[in-house]
Amino acid sequence: MSVKLLLNWDIRAGRDQEYFEFVVREWVPTIQRLGLRPTGAWYTIYSRDKSAPQIMTESLASDLPTMRSILATDDWKSLNDKLQEYVENYSRKIVPVTGNFQL
């Protein structure tokens, strides 16, 4: 069964430009090279709910063992560590794919 990696975060104040350059130049190409298939990304410009994440992303893997294997690689750990330089309030969840919007 396919699984989905759900990631949420807020961009650190004053890091917007650097963050977006990192995502385009490093994040997306690297997760694809590792075997994840990005399927969605949402950027919240305004929300009355201050606890809602600014960024929500989802990526697919063919099954849970594959996802766990990808997330255990040094390349993933390095990429994720670099992401932390640009973001805060980071959360990660792996869920089975249902075909519906998932949180």
N, C-alpha and C. Protein backbone atom coordinates (compact mmCIF):
# COMPACT_ATOMS: atom_id res chain seq x y z
N MET A 1 0.84 -1.17 0.00
CA MET A 1 0.00 0.00 0.00
C MET A 1 0.89 1.25 0.00
N SER A 2 0.57 2.19 -0.87
CA SER A 2 1.31 3.45 -0.92
C SER A 2 1.12 4.23 0.37
N VAL A 3 2.16 4.99 0.72
CA VAL A 3 2.10 5.85 1.89
C VAL A 3 2.48 7.27 1.50
N LYS A 4 2.01 8.20 2.32
CA LYS A 4 2.23 9.61 2.06
C LYS A 4 2.98 10.22 3.23
N LEU A 5 3.99 11.01 2.90
CA LEU A 5 4.74 11.77 3.90
C LEU A 5 4.16 13.17 3.93
N LEU A 6 3.59 13.54 5.08
CA LEU A 6 3.03 14.87 5.27
C LEU A 6 3.99 15.69 6.12
N LEU A 7 4.42 16.82 5.58
CA LEU A 7 5.32 17.72 6.29
C LEU A 7 4.68 19.09 6.41
N ASN A 8 4.80 19.69 7.57
CA ASN A 8 4.27 21.03 7.82
C ASN A 8 5.34 21.86 8.50
N TRP A 9 5.35 23.17 8.21
CA TRP A 9 6.27 24.07 8.88
C TRP A 9 5.91 25.51 8.59
N ASP A 10 6.60 26.40 9.29
CA ASP A 10 6.53 27.83 9.05
C ASP A 10 7.92 28.28 8.62
N ILE A 11 7.97 29.23 7.72
CA ILE A 11 9.26 29.79 7.29
C ILE A 11 9.73 30.76 8.36
N ARG A 12 11.00 30.66 8.72
CA ARG A 12 11.56 31.57 9.72
C ARG A 12 11.49 33.01 9.21
N ALA A 13 11.23 33.93 10.10
CA ALA A 13 11.14 35.34 9.75
C ALA A 13 12.42 35.81 9.07
N GLY A 14 12.26 36.49 7.95
CA GLY A 14 13.40 37.04 7.23
C GLY A 14 14.15 36.06 6.36
N ARG A 15 13.69 34.81 6.27
CA ARG A 15 14.40 33.78 5.49
C ARG A 15 13.64 33.36 4.24
N ASP A 16 12.58 34.08 3.89
CA ASP A 16 11.70 33.68 2.78
C ASP A 16 12.46 33.45 1.47
N GLN A 17 13.24 34.40 1.04
CA GLN A 17 13.94 34.30 -0.24
C GLN A 17 14.89 33.10 -0.25
N GLU A 18 15.69 32.98 0.80
CA GLU A 18 16.63 31.85 0.90
C GLU A 18 15.88 30.52 0.93
N TYR A 19 14.78 30.50 1.67
CA TYR A 19 13.97 29.28 1.77
C TYR A 19 13.48 28.83 0.40
N PHE A 20 12.86 29.74 -0.35
CA PHE A 20 12.31 29.36 -1.65
C PHE A 20 13.40 28.94 -2.63
N GLU A 21 14.56 29.57 -2.57
CA GLU A 21 15.68 29.14 -3.41
C GLU A 21 16.12 27.73 -3.03
N PHE A 22 16.21 27.45 -1.75
CA PHE A 22 16.58 26.12 -1.28
C PHE A 22 15.58 25.07 -1.75
N VAL A 23 14.29 25.35 -1.63
CA VAL A 23 13.26 24.39 -2.02
C VAL A 23 13.37 24.06 -3.51
N VAL A 24 13.52 25.08 -4.34
CA VAL A 24 13.57 24.86 -5.79
C VAL A 24 14.88 24.19 -6.22
N ARG A 25 15.98 24.64 -5.67
CA ARG A 25 17.30 24.14 -6.12
C ARG A 25 17.73 22.83 -5.47
N GLU A 26 17.32 22.61 -4.21
CA GLU A 26 17.81 21.43 -3.49
C GLU A 26 16.71 20.49 -3.01
N TRP A 27 15.71 21.02 -2.33
CA TRP A 27 14.70 20.16 -1.70
C TRP A 27 14.01 19.26 -2.71
N VAL A 28 13.34 19.86 -3.69
CA VAL A 28 12.55 19.07 -4.63
C VAL A 28 13.43 18.09 -5.43
N PRO A 29 14.55 18.54 -6.03
CA PRO A 29 15.36 17.57 -6.77
C PRO A 29 15.89 16.42 -5.90
N THR A 30 16.24 16.72 -4.66
CA THR A 30 16.80 15.67 -3.80
C THR A 30 15.74 14.67 -3.36
N ILE A 31 14.55 15.14 -2.97
CA ILE A 31 13.54 14.15 -2.57
C ILE A 31 13.14 13.28 -3.74
N GLN A 32 13.13 13.84 -4.95
CA GLN A 32 12.82 13.03 -6.12
C GLN A 32 13.93 12.00 -6.37
N ARG A 33 15.16 12.42 -6.24
CA ARG A 33 16.29 11.50 -6.43
C ARG A 33 16.26 10.37 -5.39
N LEU A 34 15.80 10.67 -4.19
CA LEU A 34 15.72 9.66 -3.13
C LEU A 34 14.58 8.68 -3.35
N GLY A 35 13.65 9.02 -4.21
CA GLY A 35 12.55 8.10 -4.51
C GLY A 35 11.19 8.55 -4.05
N LEU A 36 11.09 9.75 -3.49
CA LEU A 36 9.78 10.28 -3.11
C LEU A 36 9.17 10.98 -4.32
N ARG A 37 7.85 10.93 -4.39
CA ARG A 37 7.13 11.60 -5.49
C ARG A 37 6.30 12.72 -4.89
N PRO A 38 6.76 13.99 -5.05
CA PRO A 38 5.98 15.10 -4.52
C PRO A 38 4.63 15.18 -5.22
N THR A 39 3.57 15.31 -4.43
CA THR A 39 2.23 15.36 -5.02
C THR A 39 1.46 16.62 -4.65
N GLY A 40 1.99 17.39 -3.71
CA GLY A 40 1.30 18.62 -3.35
C GLY A 40 2.10 19.47 -2.41
N ALA A 41 1.89 20.78 -2.53
CA ALA A 41 2.49 21.74 -1.61
C ALA A 41 1.56 22.93 -1.53
N TRP A 42 1.32 23.39 -0.31
CA TRP A 42 0.42 24.52 -0.09
C TRP A 42 1.14 25.57 0.72
N TYR A 43 0.97 26.82 0.31
CA TYR A 43 1.56 27.97 0.99
C TYR A 43 0.41 28.85 1.47
N THR A 44 0.28 28.98 2.77
CA THR A 44 -0.78 29.79 3.35
C THR A 44 -0.28 31.22 3.50
N ILE A 45 -0.94 32.12 2.80
CA ILE A 45 -0.57 33.53 2.88
C ILE A 45 -1.21 34.18 4.10
N TYR A 46 -2.46 33.82 4.37
CA TYR A 46 -3.17 34.39 5.51
C TYR A 46 -4.07 33.33 6.12
N SER A 47 -4.10 33.31 7.43
CA SER A 47 -5.01 32.42 8.14
C SER A 47 -5.38 33.05 9.48
N ARG A 48 -6.65 33.00 9.80
CA ARG A 48 -7.09 33.47 11.11
C ARG A 48 -6.59 32.54 12.21
N ASP A 49 -6.41 31.27 11.84
CA ASP A 49 -5.93 30.27 12.78
C ASP A 49 -4.41 30.36 12.87
N LYS A 50 -3.92 30.99 13.92
CA LYS A 50 -2.47 31.22 14.07
C LYS A 50 -1.70 29.92 14.27
N SER A 51 -2.39 28.82 14.58
CA SER A 51 -1.69 27.55 14.76
C SER A 51 -1.57 26.77 13.45
N ALA A 52 -2.22 27.24 12.39
CA ALA A 52 -2.15 26.55 11.09
C ALA A 52 -0.76 26.73 10.50
N PRO A 53 -0.21 25.67 9.90
CA PRO A 53 1.13 25.79 9.31
C PRO A 53 1.12 26.68 8.07
N GLN A 54 2.22 27.36 7.85
CA GLN A 54 2.36 28.21 6.68
C GLN A 54 2.58 27.36 5.42
N ILE A 55 3.32 26.26 5.58
CA ILE A 55 3.63 25.37 4.46
C ILE A 55 3.15 23.96 4.81
N MET A 56 2.47 23.32 3.85
CA MET A 56 2.10 21.91 3.97
C MET A 56 2.55 21.23 2.69
N THR A 57 3.23 20.09 2.82
CA THR A 57 3.66 19.34 1.65
C THR A 57 3.27 17.87 1.80
N GLU A 58 3.18 17.19 0.66
CA GLU A 58 2.96 15.74 0.68
C GLU A 58 3.77 15.11 -0.44
N SER A 59 4.30 13.93 -0.12
CA SER A 59 5.08 13.14 -1.08
C SER A 59 4.74 11.68 -0.89
N LEU A 60 4.77 10.92 -1.97
CA LEU A 60 4.41 9.51 -1.93
C LEU A 60 5.62 8.59 -2.05
N ALA A 61 5.48 7.43 -1.42
CA ALA A 61 6.40 6.30 -1.61
C ALA A 61 5.52 5.07 -1.84
N SER A 62 6.09 4.07 -2.47
CA SER A 62 5.31 2.90 -2.85
C SER A 62 4.77 2.10 -1.66
N ASP A 63 5.50 2.11 -0.54
CA ASP A 63 5.06 1.37 0.64
C ASP A 63 5.82 1.89 1.86
N LEU A 64 5.41 1.43 3.04
CA LEU A 64 6.01 1.90 4.29
C LEU A 64 7.48 1.53 4.42
N PRO A 65 7.90 0.29 4.08
CA PRO A 65 9.33 -0.02 4.17
C PRO A 65 10.18 0.89 3.28
N THR A 66 9.68 1.22 2.09
CA THR A 66 10.42 2.12 1.21
C THR A 66 10.53 3.50 1.83
N MET A 67 9.43 4.00 2.38
CA MET A 67 9.45 5.32 3.03
C MET A 67 10.44 5.34 4.18
N ARG A 68 10.38 4.33 5.02
CA ARG A 68 11.30 4.27 6.16
C ARG A 68 12.75 4.20 5.70
N SER A 69 12.99 3.46 4.64
CA SER A 69 14.35 3.35 4.09
C SER A 69 14.85 4.71 3.60
N ILE A 70 13.99 5.44 2.90
CA ILE A 70 14.36 6.77 2.40
C ILE A 70 14.67 7.71 3.56
N LEU A 71 13.81 7.71 4.57
CA LEU A 71 13.98 8.62 5.70
C LEU A 71 15.16 8.25 6.60
N ALA A 72 15.71 7.06 6.41
CA ALA A 72 16.88 6.63 7.19
C ALA A 72 18.20 6.93 6.50
N THR A 73 18.14 7.44 5.27
CA THR A 73 19.39 7.70 4.53
C THR A 73 20.10 8.93 5.05
N ASP A 74 21.42 8.95 4.87
CA ASP A 74 22.20 10.13 5.22
C ASP A 74 21.80 11.33 4.37
N ASP A 75 21.46 11.09 3.11
CA ASP A 75 21.04 12.18 2.23
C ASP A 75 19.77 12.84 2.75
N TRP A 76 18.79 12.05 3.21
CA TRP A 76 17.57 12.63 3.77
C TRP A 76 17.90 13.41 5.04
N LYS A 77 18.70 12.81 5.91
CA LYS A 77 19.03 13.48 7.17
C LYS A 77 19.73 14.81 6.91
N SER A 78 20.65 14.84 5.97
CA SER A 78 21.36 16.07 5.62
C SER A 78 20.40 17.11 5.04
N LEU A 79 19.54 16.68 4.14
CA LEU A 79 18.56 17.58 3.53
C LEU A 79 17.62 18.14 4.59
N ASN A 80 17.13 17.28 5.46
CA ASN A 80 16.21 17.70 6.51
C ASN A 80 16.89 18.65 7.49
N ASP A 81 18.16 18.40 7.81
CA ASP A 81 18.91 19.31 8.69
C ASP A 81 19.04 20.69 8.04
N LYS A 82 19.29 20.72 6.74
CA LYS A 82 19.41 22.00 6.05
C LYS A 82 18.06 22.72 6.03
N LEU A 83 16.98 21.99 5.83
CA LEU A 83 15.65 22.59 5.86
C LEU A 83 15.42 23.30 7.19
N GLN A 84 15.89 22.70 8.29
CA GLN A 84 15.67 23.27 9.62
C GLN A 84 16.29 24.66 9.78
N GLU A 85 17.27 24.99 8.94
CA GLU A 85 17.87 26.33 8.99
C GLU A 85 16.87 27.40 8.54
N TYR A 86 15.89 27.01 7.75
CA TYR A 86 14.95 27.95 7.15
C TYR A 86 13.55 27.91 7.76
N VAL A 87 13.27 26.88 8.57
CA VAL A 87 11.90 26.69 9.05
C VAL A 87 11.84 26.51 10.56
N GLU A 88 10.62 26.62 11.09
CA GLU A 88 10.34 26.34 12.50
C GLU A 88 8.95 25.71 12.57
N ASN A 89 8.61 25.19 13.73
CA ASN A 89 7.31 24.52 13.92
C ASN A 89 7.12 23.37 12.93
N TYR A 90 8.17 22.62 12.73
CA TYR A 90 8.20 21.51 11.78
C TYR A 90 7.48 20.30 12.36
N SER A 91 6.70 19.63 11.53
CA SER A 91 6.11 18.36 11.94
C SER A 91 6.10 17.40 10.76
N ARG A 92 6.12 16.12 11.07
CA ARG A 92 6.18 15.07 10.05
C ARG A 92 5.26 13.94 10.44
N LYS A 93 4.55 13.41 9.44
CA LYS A 93 3.64 12.29 9.68
C LYS A 93 3.61 11.42 8.42
N ILE A 94 3.57 10.11 8.61
CA ILE A 94 3.41 9.17 7.51
C ILE A 94 2.03 8.55 7.65
N VAL A 95 1.27 8.58 6.56
CA VAL A 95 -0.10 8.04 6.58
C VAL A 95 -0.32 7.17 5.34
N PRO A 96 -1.24 6.21 5.43
CA PRO A 96 -1.61 5.46 4.24
C PRO A 96 -2.35 6.38 3.27
N VAL A 97 -2.18 6.16 1.99
CA VAL A 97 -2.86 6.98 0.98
C VAL A 97 -4.33 6.58 0.93
N THR A 98 -5.20 7.58 1.06
CA THR A 98 -6.64 7.31 1.01
C THR A 98 -7.28 7.84 -0.28
N GLY A 99 -6.56 8.72 -0.97
CA GLY A 99 -7.13 9.34 -2.15
C GLY A 99 -7.79 10.67 -1.87
N ASN A 100 -7.98 10.99 -0.58
CA ASN A 100 -8.57 12.25 -0.17
C ASN A 100 -7.51 13.18 0.37
N PHE A 101 -7.86 14.44 0.56
CA PHE A 101 -6.97 15.39 1.21
C PHE A 101 -6.73 14.90 2.62
N GLN A 102 -5.46 14.88 3.03
CA GLN A 102 -5.12 14.34 4.35
C GLN A 102 -4.32 15.35 5.16
N LEU A 103 -4.57 15.36 6.46
CA LEU A 103 -3.82 16.20 7.39
C LEU A 103 -3.09 15.36 8.39
